[in-house]
C-alpha atoms as a PDB file:
ATOM      1  CA  MET A   1       0.000   0.000   0.000  1.00  0.00           C
ATOM      2  CA  ALA A   2       2.882   2.346   0.834  1.00  0.00           C
ATOM      3  CA  GLY A   3       4.301   1.856  -2.642  1.00  0.00           C
ATOM      4  CA  THR A   4       0.941   2.766  -4.162  1.00  0.00           C
ATOM      5  CA  ASP A   5       0.781   5.888  -2.023  1.00  0.00           C
ATOM      6  CA  PHE A   6       4.247   6.949  -3.149  1.00  0.00           C
ATOM      7  CA  ASP A   7       3.395   6.332  -6.805  1.00  0.00           C
ATOM      8  CA  ALA A   8       0.363   8.604  -6.441  1.00  0.00           C
ATOM      9  CA  PHE A   9       2.491  11.231  -4.686  1.00  0.00           C
ATOM     10  CA  ARG A  10       5.122  11.006  -7.424  1.00  0.00           C
ATOM     11  CA  LYS A  11       2.484  11.742 -10.067  1.00  0.00           C
ATOM     12  CA  VAL A  12       1.432  14.838  -8.126  1.00  0.00           C
ATOM     13  CA  ILE A  13       5.070  15.966  -7.968  1.00  0.00           C
ATOM     14  CA  GLU A  14       5.535  15.421 -11.701  1.00  0.00           C
ATOM     15  CA  ARG A  15       2.432  17.464 -12.425  1.00  0.00           C
ATOM     16  CA  LYS A  16       3.119  20.286  -9.956  1.00  0.00           C
ATOM     17  CA  PHE A  17       6.914  20.546 -10.222  1.00  0.00           C
ATOM     18  CA  MET A  18       8.067  19.064 -13.517  1.00  0.00           C
ATOM     19  CA  HIS A  19       5.262  20.767 -15.475  1.00  0.00           C
ATOM     20  CA  HIS A  20       5.701  24.140 -13.785  1.00  0.00           C
ATOM     21  CA  PRO A  21       6.081  26.919 -16.408  1.00  0.00           C
ATOM     22  CA  VAL A  22       9.613  27.792 -15.267  1.00  0.00           C
ATOM     23  CA  VAL A  23      10.629  24.224 -16.133  1.00  0.00           C
ATOM     24  CA  THR A  24       8.643  23.747 -19.336  1.00  0.00           C
ATOM     25  CA  SER A  25       8.498  27.195 -20.946  1.00  0.00           C
ATOM     26  CA  ASN A  26      11.193  29.599 -19.806  1.00  0.00           C
ATOM     27  CA  GLU A  27      10.995  32.346 -22.427  1.00  0.00           C
ATOM     28  CA  TYR A  28      14.187  34.057 -21.288  1.00  0.00           C
ATOM     29  CA  THR A  29      16.487  31.025 -21.430  1.00  0.00           C
ATOM     30  CA  ALA A  30      14.986  29.975 -24.783  1.00  0.00           C
ATOM     31  CA  TRP A  31      15.848  33.442 -26.126  1.00  0.00           C
ATOM     32  CA  PHE A  32      19.271  33.401 -24.442  1.00  0.00           C
ATOM     33  CA  ALA A  33      20.164  30.104 -26.134  1.00  0.00           C
ATOM     34  CA  ARG A  34      20.023  31.825 -29.519  1.00  0.00           C
ATOM     35  CA  GLY A  35      23.019  33.975 -28.583  1.00  0.00           C
ATOM     36  CA  GLU A  36      21.435  37.170 -29.892  1.00  0.00           C
ATOM     37  CA  MET A  37      21.894  39.276 -26.754  1.00  0.00           C
ATOM     38  CA  SER A  38      23.704  42.612 -26.740  1.00  0.00           C
ATOM     39  CA  ILE A  39      26.733  43.153 -24.523  1.00  0.00           C
ATOM     40  CA  ASP A  40      24.585  45.272 -22.188  1.00  0.00           C
ATOM     41  CA  GLN A  41      22.026  42.480 -21.936  1.00  0.00           C
ATOM     42  CA  LEU A  42      24.788  39.998 -21.185  1.00  0.00           C
ATOM     43  CA  ARG A  43      26.197  42.300 -18.514  1.00  0.00           C
ATOM     44  CA  HIS A  44      22.778  42.622 -16.916  1.00  0.00           C
ATOM     45  CA  PHE A  45      22.459  38.842 -16.898  1.00  0.00           C
ATOM     46  CA  ALA A  46      25.924  38.505 -15.318  1.00  0.00           C
ATOM     47  CA  VAL A  47      25.101  40.970 -12.548  1.00  0.00           C
ATOM     48  CA  GLN A  48      21.715  39.474 -11.666  1.00  0.00           C
ATOM     49  CA  PHE A  49      23.007  35.912 -11.809  1.00  0.00           C
ATOM     50  CA  SER A  50      25.907  36.897  -9.548  1.00  0.00           C
ATOM     51  CA  VAL A  51      23.476  38.398  -7.039  1.00  0.00           C
ATOM     52  CA  PHE A  52      21.457  35.179  -6.969  1.00  0.00           C
ATOM     53  CA  SER A  53      24.610  33.051  -6.719  1.00  0.00           C
ATOM     54  CA  ASN A  54      26.170  35.103  -3.922  1.00  0.00           C
ATOM     55  CA  GLN A  55      22.952  35.561  -1.947  1.00  0.00           C
ATOM     56  CA  PHE A  56      22.375  31.796  -2.188  1.00  0.00           C
ATOM     57  CA  LEU A  57      25.169  31.494   0.398  1.00  0.00           C
ATOM     58  CA  LEU A  58      22.786  32.913   2.998  1.00  0.00           C
ATOM     59  CA  ALA A  59      20.103  30.373   2.135  1.00  0.00           C
ATOM     60  CA  ALA A  60      22.653  27.541   2.188  1.00  0.00           C
ATOM     61  CA  LEU A  61      23.973  28.633   5.594  1.00  0.00           C
ATOM     62  CA  ASN A  62      20.428  28.922   6.902  1.00  0.00           C
ATOM     63  CA  ARG A  63      19.813  25.365   5.718  1.00  0.00           C
ATOM     64  CA  VAL A  64      22.874  24.165   7.649  1.00  0.00           C
ATOM     65  CA  ILE A  65      21.743  25.975  10.800  1.00  0.00           C
ATOM     66  CA  ASN A  66      18.180  24.645  10.554  1.00  0.00           C
ATOM     67  CA  ALA A  67      19.101  21.054   9.647  1.00  0.00           C
ATOM     68  CA  ASP A  68      17.109  18.530  11.667  1.00  0.00           C
ATOM     69  CA  THR A  69      19.828  15.854  11.848  1.00  0.00           C
ATOM     70  CA  LEU A  70      23.620  15.753  11.862  1.00  0.00           C
ATOM     71  CA  GLN A  71      23.623  13.992   8.499  1.00  0.00           C
ATOM     72  CA  ALA A  72      21.363  16.654   6.990  1.00  0.00           C
ATOM     73  CA  ALA A  73      23.658  19.361   8.345  1.00  0.00           C
ATOM     74  CA  ARG A  74      26.657  17.661   6.761  1.00  0.00           C
ATOM     75  CA  GLU A  75      24.891  17.294   3.424  1.00  0.00           C
ATOM     76  CA  SER A  76      24.039  20.989   3.499  1.00  0.00           C
ATOM     77  CA  LYS A  77      27.639  21.847   4.369  1.00  0.00           C
ATOM     78  CA  GLU A  78      28.793  19.965   1.264  1.00  0.00           C
ATOM     79  CA  ILE A  79      26.934  22.504  -0.853  1.00  0.00           C
ATOM     80  CA  LEU A  80      27.849  25.564   1.187  1.00  0.00           C
ATOM     81  CA  MET A  81      31.553  24.819   1.531  1.00  0.00           C
ATOM     82  CA  ASN A  82      31.911  23.979  -2.157  1.00  0.00           C
ATOM     83  CA  GLU A  83      30.252  27.285  -3.028  1.00  0.00           C
ATOM     84  CA  LEU A  84      32.812  29.016  -0.813  1.00  0.00           C
ATOM     85  CA  GLY A  85      35.793  27.312  -2.422  1.00  0.00           C
ATOM     86  CA  VAL A  86      36.392  23.875  -0.887  1.00  0.00           C
ATOM     87  CA  ILE A  87      37.029  21.483  -3.764  1.00  0.00           C
ATOM     88  CA  TYR A  88      35.362  18.091  -3.793  1.00  0.00           C
ATOM     89  CA  THR A  89      37.816  15.263  -3.232  1.00  0.00           C
ATOM     90  CA  THR A  90      37.523  11.525  -3.721  1.00  0.00           C
ATOM     91  CA  PRO A  91      39.072   8.856  -1.477  1.00  0.00           C
ATOM     92  CA  GLY A  92      42.774   8.470  -2.162  1.00  0.00           C
ATOM     93  CA  GLY A  93      43.411  11.937  -3.521  1.00  0.00           C
ATOM     94  CA  VAL A  94      42.861  15.636  -2.941  1.00  0.00           C
ATOM     95  CA  ALA A  95      41.476  17.641  -5.835  1.00  0.00           C
ATOM     96  CA  GLY A  96      43.651  20.579  -6.691  1.00  0.00           C
ATOM     97  CA  ASP A  97      46.724  19.180  -4.913  1.00  0.00           C
ATOM     98  CA  ALA A  98      49.810  20.675  -6.521  1.00  0.00           C
ATOM     99  CA  LYS A  99      51.832  17.589  -5.539  1.00  0.00           C
ATOM    100  CA  ALA A 100      49.804  15.544  -7.971  1.00  0.00           C
ATOM    101  CA  GLY A 101      51.144  17.643 -10.814  1.00  0.00           C
ATOM    102  CA  PRO A 102      49.211  19.396 -13.562  1.00  0.00           C
ATOM    103  CA  ARG A 103      47.404  17.572 -16.300  1.00  0.00           C
ATOM    104  CA  PRO A 104      46.753  18.993 -19.763  1.00  0.00           C
ATOM    105  CA  ILE A 105      43.466  20.860 -20.228  1.00  0.00           C
ATOM    106  CA  ARG A 106      41.947  19.928 -23.548  1.00  0.00           C
ATOM    107  CA  ASP A 107      39.093  22.394 -23.261  1.00  0.00           C
ATOM    108  CA  ALA A 108      39.181  24.780 -20.285  1.00  0.00           C
ATOM    109  CA  ASP A 109      35.603  25.931 -20.876  1.00  0.00           C
ATOM    110  CA  ARG A 110      34.309  22.381 -20.743  1.00  0.00           C
ATOM    111  CA  GLU A 111      36.681  20.902 -18.170  1.00  0.00           C
ATOM    112  CA  GLY A 112      37.724  23.884 -16.061  1.00  0.00           C
ATOM    113  CA  ASP A 113      41.019  24.269 -14.267  1.00  0.00           C
ATOM    114  CA  PRO A 114      41.804  20.823 -12.776  1.00  0.00           C
ATOM    115  CA  ALA A 115      43.287  22.557  -9.716  1.00  0.00           C
ATOM    116  CA  LEU A 116      39.976  24.247  -8.969  1.00  0.00           C
ATOM    117  CA  VAL A 117      37.129  21.997 -10.042  1.00  0.00           C
ATOM    118  CA  SER A 118      35.771  18.553  -9.345  1.00  0.00           C
ATOM    119  CA  THR A 119      32.223  17.277  -9.649  1.00  0.00           C
ATOM    120  CA  GLU A 120      32.580  14.194  -7.464  1.00  0.00           C
ATOM    121  CA  GLY A 121      33.427  13.352  -3.892  1.00  0.00           C
ATOM    122  CA  THR A 122      33.154  15.329  -0.662  1.00  0.00           C
ATOM    123  CA  VAL A 123      34.433  18.563   0.831  1.00  0.00           C
ATOM    124  CA  ASP A 124      35.582  16.559   3.880  1.00  0.00           C
ATOM    125  CA  GLY A 125      39.351  16.638   3.457  1.00  0.00           C
ATOM    126  CA  GLY A 126      39.094  18.776   0.343  1.00  0.00           C
ATOM    127  CA  ARG A 127      41.451  21.656  -0.376  1.00  0.00           C
ATOM    128  CA  PHE A 128      40.217  25.228  -0.009  1.00  0.00           C
ATOM    129  CA  ARG A 129      41.185  27.627  -2.791  1.00  0.00           C
ATOM    130  CA  PHE A 130      40.056  31.259  -2.992  1.00  0.00           C
ATOM    131  CA  GLN A 131      39.842  30.943  -6.765  1.00  0.00           C
ATOM    132  CA  ALA A 132      37.537  27.932  -6.472  1.00  0.00           C
ATOM    133  CA  ALA A 133      34.773  30.002  -4.850  1.00  0.00           C
ATOM    134  CA  HIS A 134      31.831  30.182  -7.227  1.00  0.00           C
ATOM    135  CA  ILE A 135      31.582  33.961  -6.965  1.00  0.00           C
ATOM    136  CA  GLU A 136      35.198  34.185  -8.163  1.00  0.00           C
ATOM    137  CA  TRP A 137      34.317  32.038 -11.172  1.00  0.00           C
ATOM    138  CA  LEU A 138      31.528  34.495 -11.905  1.00  0.00           C
ATOM    139  CA  LEU A 139      33.901  37.410 -11.333  1.00  0.00           C
ATOM    140  CA  ARG A 140      36.247  36.091 -14.029  1.00  0.00           C
ATOM    141  CA  PHE A 141      33.249  35.716 -16.335  1.00  0.00           C
ATOM    142  CA  SER A 142      32.089  39.249 -15.522  1.00  0.00           C
ATOM    143  CA  GLU A 143      35.551  40.785 -15.944  1.00  0.00           C
ATOM    144  CA  SER A 144      35.555  39.687 -19.573  1.00  0.00           C
ATOM    145  CA  LEU A 145      32.484  41.938 -19.962  1.00  0.00           C
ATOM    146  CA  GLY A 146      34.127  44.967 -18.335  1.00  0.00           C
ATOM    147  CA  LEU A 147      32.657  44.453 -14.857  1.00  0.00           C
ATOM    148  CA  GLY A 148      34.621  44.403 -11.598  1.00  0.00           C
ATOM    149  CA  PHE A 149      34.254  42.975  -8.108  1.00  0.00           C
ATOM    150  CA  SER A 150      32.277  45.973  -6.876  1.00  0.00           C
ATOM    151  CA  ASP A 151      29.785  45.561  -9.744  1.00  0.00           C
ATOM    152  CA  ILE A 152      28.555  42.076  -8.937  1.00  0.00           C
ATOM    153  CA  GLY A 153      27.107  39.882  -6.226  1.00  0.00           C
ATOM    154  CA  LYS A 154      25.870  42.479  -3.755  1.00  0.00           C
ATOM    155  CA  ARG A 155      22.221  42.737  -2.790  1.00  0.00           C
ATOM    156  CA  ARG A 156      22.234  46.399  -3.848  1.00  0.00           C
ATOM    157  CA  HIS A 157      22.809  45.274  -7.440  1.00  0.00           C
ATOM    158  CA  GLY A 158      19.684  43.124  -7.531  1.00  0.00           C
ATOM    159  CA  THR A 159      16.484  44.088  -9.263  1.00  0.00           C
ATOM    160  CA  PRO A 160      13.207  43.597  -7.336  1.00  0.00           C
ATOM    161  CA  SER A 161      12.568  40.306  -9.152  1.00  0.00           C
ATOM    162  CA  THR A 162      16.047  38.974  -8.393  1.00  0.00           C
ATOM    163  CA  LEU A 163      15.729  39.905  -4.727  1.00  0.00           C
ATOM    164  CA  ARG A 164      12.294  38.283  -4.533  1.00  0.00           C
ATOM    165  CA  PHE A 165      13.881  35.030  -5.690  1.00  0.00           C
ATOM    166  CA  CYS A 166      16.760  35.371  -3.197  1.00  0.00           C
ATOM    167  CA  ASP A 167      14.344  36.047  -0.344  1.00  0.00           C
ATOM    168  CA  GLU A 168      12.214  33.023  -1.195  1.00  0.00           C
ATOM    169  CA  LEU A 169      15.344  30.868  -1.248  1.00  0.00           C
ATOM    170  CA  PHE A 170      16.296  32.094   2.208  1.00  0.00           C
ATOM    171  CA  ARG A 171      12.782  31.629   3.553  1.00  0.00           C
ATOM    172  CA  LEU A 172      11.937  28.235   2.043  1.00  0.00           C
ATOM    173  CA  TYR A 173      15.170  26.462   1.052  1.00  0.00           C
ATOM    174  CA  GLY A 174      16.611  27.429   4.448  1.00  0.00           C
ATOM    175  CA  SER A 175      13.377  26.917   6.393  1.00  0.00           C
ATOM    176  CA  ASP A 176      13.410  25.322   9.840  1.00  0.00           C
ATOM    177  CA  ASP A 177      10.260  23.438   8.828  1.00  0.00           C
ATOM    178  CA  TYR A 178      11.335  19.994   7.550  1.00  0.00           C
ATOM    179  CA  ASN A 179       8.670  19.710   4.873  1.00  0.00           C
ATOM    180  CA  GLU A 180       9.068  23.269   3.575  1.00  0.00           C
ATOM    181  CA  ALA A 181      12.840  22.916   3.312  1.00  0.00           C
ATOM    182  CA  MET A 182      12.679  19.529   1.614  1.00  0.00           C
ATOM    183  CA  GLY A 183       9.944  20.598  -0.804  1.00  0.00           C
ATOM    184  CA  ALA A 184      11.819  23.754  -1.786  1.00  0.00           C
ATOM    185  CA  ALA A 185      15.106  21.876  -2.190  1.00  0.00           C
ATOM    186  CA  PHE A 186      13.529  19.153  -4.305  1.00  0.00           C
ATOM    187  CA  ALA A 187      11.819  21.719  -6.511  1.00  0.00           C
ATOM    188  CA  VAL A 188      15.059  23.701  -6.995  1.00  0.00           C
ATOM    189  CA  GLU A 189      16.980  20.516  -7.797  1.00  0.00           C
ATOM    190  CA  ASN A 190      14.476  19.498 -10.455  1.00  0.00           C
ATOM    191  CA  TRP A 191      14.525  22.976 -11.969  1.00  0.00           C
ATOM    192  CA  ALA A 192      18.318  22.984 -12.039  1.00  0.00           C
ATOM    193  CA  ALA A 193      18.442  19.564 -13.691  1.00  0.00           C
ATOM    194  CA  ALA A 194      15.772  20.357 -16.286  1.00  0.00           C
ATOM    195  CA  GLY A 195      18.123  21.852 -18.870  1.00  0.00           C
ATOM    196  CA  PHE A 196      18.394  25.600 -18.331  1.00  0.00           C
ATOM    197  CA  TRP A 197      22.181  25.343 -17.883  1.00  0.00           C
ATOM    198  CA  LYS A 198      22.433  23.872 -21.373  1.00  0.00           C
ATOM    199  CA  GLN A 199      20.415  26.774 -22.787  1.00  0.00           C
ATOM    200  CA  LEU A 200      22.708  29.292 -21.089  1.00  0.00           C
ATOM    201  CA  ILE A 201      25.805  27.476 -22.356  1.00  0.00           C
ATOM    202  CA  ALA A 202      24.450  27.393 -25.913  1.00  0.00           C
ATOM    203  CA  GLY A 203      23.941  31.158 -25.931  1.00  0.00           C
ATOM    204  CA  LEU A 204      27.272  31.900 -24.259  1.00  0.00           C
ATOM    205  CA  GLU A 205      29.176  29.720 -26.699  1.00  0.00           C
ATOM    206  CA  LYS A 206      27.671  31.680 -29.572  1.00  0.00           C
ATOM    207  CA  MET A 207      28.585  34.994 -27.938  1.00  0.00           C
ATOM    208  CA  LYS A 208      32.105  33.767 -27.265  1.00  0.00           C
ATOM    209  CA  ALA A 209      32.566  32.689 -30.883  1.00  0.00           C
ATOM    210  CA  ALA A 210      31.122  35.875 -32.344  1.00  0.00           C
ATOM    211  CA  ARG A 211      31.887  38.752 -29.976  1.00  0.00           C
ATOM    212  CA  VAL A 212      33.649  37.940 -26.684  1.00  0.00           C
ATOM    213  CA  PRO A 213      36.515  35.510 -27.407  1.00  0.00           C
ATOM    214  CA  ASP A 214      37.867  35.643 -23.829  1.00  0.00           C
ATOM    215  CA  LEU A 215      34.532  34.751 -22.209  1.00  0.00           C
ATOM    216  CA  PRO A 216      35.204  31.914 -19.693  1.00  0.00           C
ATOM    217  CA  LEU A 217      32.385  29.393 -19.475  1.00  0.00           C
ATOM    218  CA  ALA A 218      33.610  26.945 -16.823  1.00  0.00           C
ATOM    219  CA  PHE A 219      31.147  28.176 -14.148  1.00  0.00           C
ATOM    220  CA  PHE A 220      28.239  27.218 -16.365  1.00  0.00           C
ATOM    221  CA  THR A 221      29.632  23.969 -17.791  1.00  0.00           C
ATOM    222  CA  TRP A 222      30.616  22.752 -14.308  1.00  0.00           C
ATOM    223  CA  HIS A 223      27.111  23.327 -12.983  1.00  0.00           C
ATOM    224  CA  ASP A 224      25.625  21.536 -15.973  1.00  0.00           C
ATOM    225  CA  LYS A 225      27.818  18.512 -15.271  1.00  0.00           C
ATOM    226  CA  ILE A 226      26.975  18.330 -11.591  1.00  0.00           C
ATOM    227  CA  GLU A 227      23.244  18.753 -12.214  1.00  0.00           C
ATOM    228  CA  ASN A 228      23.357  15.857 -14.658  1.00  0.00           C
ATOM    229  CA  GLN A 229      24.735  13.747 -11.816  1.00  0.00           C
ATOM    230  CA  HIS A 230      22.185  15.008  -9.297  1.00  0.00           C
ATOM    231  CA  LYS A 231      19.298  14.249 -11.622  1.00  0.00           C
ATOM    232  CA  ALA A 232      19.869  10.521 -11.234  1.00  0.00           C
ATOM    233  CA  HIS A 233      19.503  10.734  -7.457  1.00  0.00           C
ATOM    234  CA  VAL A 234      16.606  13.100  -6.874  1.00  0.00           C
ATOM    235  CA  TRP A 235      13.841  10.518  -7.014  1.00  0.00           C
ATOM    236  CA  ASP A 236      15.703   8.238  -4.603  1.00  0.00           C
ATOM    237  CA  GLU A 237      16.048  11.211  -2.261  1.00  0.00           C
ATOM    238  CA  LEU A 238      12.334  11.934  -2.616  1.00  0.00           C
ATOM    239  CA  LYS A 239      11.471   8.363  -1.580  1.00  0.00           C
ATOM    240  CA  GLU A 240      13.734   8.689   1.465  1.00  0.00           C
ATOM    241  CA  CYS A 241      12.001  11.935   2.397  1.00  0.00           C
ATOM    242  CA  TYR A 242       8.551  10.403   1.823  1.00  0.00           C
ATOM    243  CA  ASP A 243       9.364   7.529   4.166  1.00  0.00           C
ATOM    244  CA  SER A 244      10.387   9.862   6.996  1.00  0.00           C
ATOM    245  CA  PRO A 245       7.933  10.019   9.922  1.00  0.00           C
ATOM    246  CA  LYS A 246       8.222  13.821   9.723  1.00  0.00           C
ATOM    247  CA  PHE A 247       6.957  13.935   6.141  1.00  0.00           C
ATOM    248  CA  ARG A 248       3.759  15.810   5.323  1.00  0.00           C
ATOM    249  CA  GLU A 249       2.617  15.975   1.730  1.00  0.00           C
ATOM    250  CA  GLU A 250       0.761  19.298   1.649  1.00  0.00           C
ATOM    251  CA  PRO A 251       3.502  21.630   3.003  1.00  0.00           C
ATOM    252  CA  PHE A 252       6.116  19.808   0.911  1.00  0.00           C
ATOM    253  CA  ILE A 253       4.184  20.421  -2.303  1.00  0.00           C
ATOM    254  CA  SER A 254       3.098  23.924  -1.350  1.00  0.00           C
ATOM    255  CA  ALA A 255       6.662  25.041  -0.566  1.00  0.00           C
ATOM    256  CA  GLY A 256       7.972  23.482  -3.759  1.00  0.00           C
ATOM    257  CA  VAL A 257       5.434  25.257  -5.933  1.00  0.00           C
ATOM    258  CA  ILE A 258       6.039  28.606  -4.207  1.00  0.00           C
ATOM    259  CA  MET A 259       9.778  28.096  -4.643  1.00  0.00           C
ATOM    260  CA  LEU A 260       9.338  27.478  -8.363  1.00  0.00           C
ATOM    261  CA  ASP A 261       7.123  30.555  -8.564  1.00  0.00           C
ATOM    262  CA  GLY A 262      10.065  32.488  -7.077  1.00  0.00           C
ATOM    263  CA  VAL A 263      12.416  31.032  -9.663  1.00  0.00           C
ATOM    264  CA  LYS A 264      10.009  32.124 -12.386  1.00  0.00           C
ATOM    265  CA  VAL A 265       9.935  35.661 -10.991  1.00  0.00           C
ATOM    266  CA  PHE A 266      13.717  35.804 -11.409  1.00  0.00           C
ATOM    267  CA  TRP A 267      13.686  34.725 -15.052  1.00  0.00           C
ATOM    268  CA  ASP A 268      10.619  36.799 -15.876  1.00  0.00           C
ATOM    269  CA  GLY A 269      12.429  39.831 -14.470  1.00  0.00           C
ATOM    270  CA  LEU A 270      15.384  39.201 -16.768  1.00  0.00           C
ATOM    271  CA  ASN A 271      13.009  38.694 -19.678  1.00  0.00           C
ATOM    272  CA  GLU A 272      11.150  41.935 -18.972  1.00  0.00           C
ATOM    273  CA  ASN A 273      14.414  43.841 -18.738  1.00  0.00           C
ATOM    274  CA  ARG A 274      15.730  42.543 -22.048  1.00  0.00           C
ATOM    275  CA  LYS A 275      12.495  43.708 -23.689  1.00  0.00           C
ATOM    276  CA  HIS A 276      12.271  46.997 -21.789  1.00  0.00           C
ATOM    277  CA  PRO A 277      15.687  47.963 -20.333  1.00  0.00           C
ATOM    278  CA  ARG A 278      15.536  49.909 -17.074  1.00  0.00           C
ATOM    279  CA  SER A 279      17.974  52.270 -15.409  1.00  0.00           C
ATOM    280  CA  TRP A 280      19.518  49.491 -13.271  1.00  0.00           C
ATOM    281  CA  VAL A 281      21.136  47.747 -16.282  1.00  0.00           C
ATOM    282  CA  ALA A 282      24.824  47.356 -15.465  1.00  0.00           C
END
């Protein structure tokens, strides 16, 4: 009977989360993939994405603080510490260890600097590198567009729609309510694995080939790789959550849908700005 209940719940999740408009019909990322943006539009994207990425640290820390078990806290720390610059390591070796010696980079945009990136393993025992912090990856991307450290990442740079998304992340993804936090996290994971990274990469590759030859893409290609790996695990994680005695279906679904609504506000804001540029364009 429990299996039947989970199958019914899974169908609800597929309908509510996987068919949400931000997953199925993101007008901005579909346009972005064509690579037709102006440099100003690309700068605006870089600034708003950097605000979301940097402000996500607050939501990730809140999730660590509000974790309901030691294991959940550790899993949340994996995400937070990697964002801050601790490189994932696998048993038997430390990613980014200079003693291991450099290896040739066939395609830096696709592979990244082997001293700074890894998509597998754990931060436990990993090496910290300032340059491995995700905001520094975005800074290098932004510098190729004429932006500097003071131009990106800060809350003051965010548009109302970007800040709405950041605030929902902090409130729901970092919630101290088990079901809200799990629903928001599951919804975000499914959104992230649904293909928007590939659309961003497609557009950026076209811009790099046509107009910005020094545009580094490793931030985006790395995230695409790791989301491909996460996608295989999300349904197993959902079953584990469903089997928890703390699980409640309604707040899980409600938080997930609201979280996806917040994601949509972010992209809709970027889409509105590219159609009708405002004074806050960087």
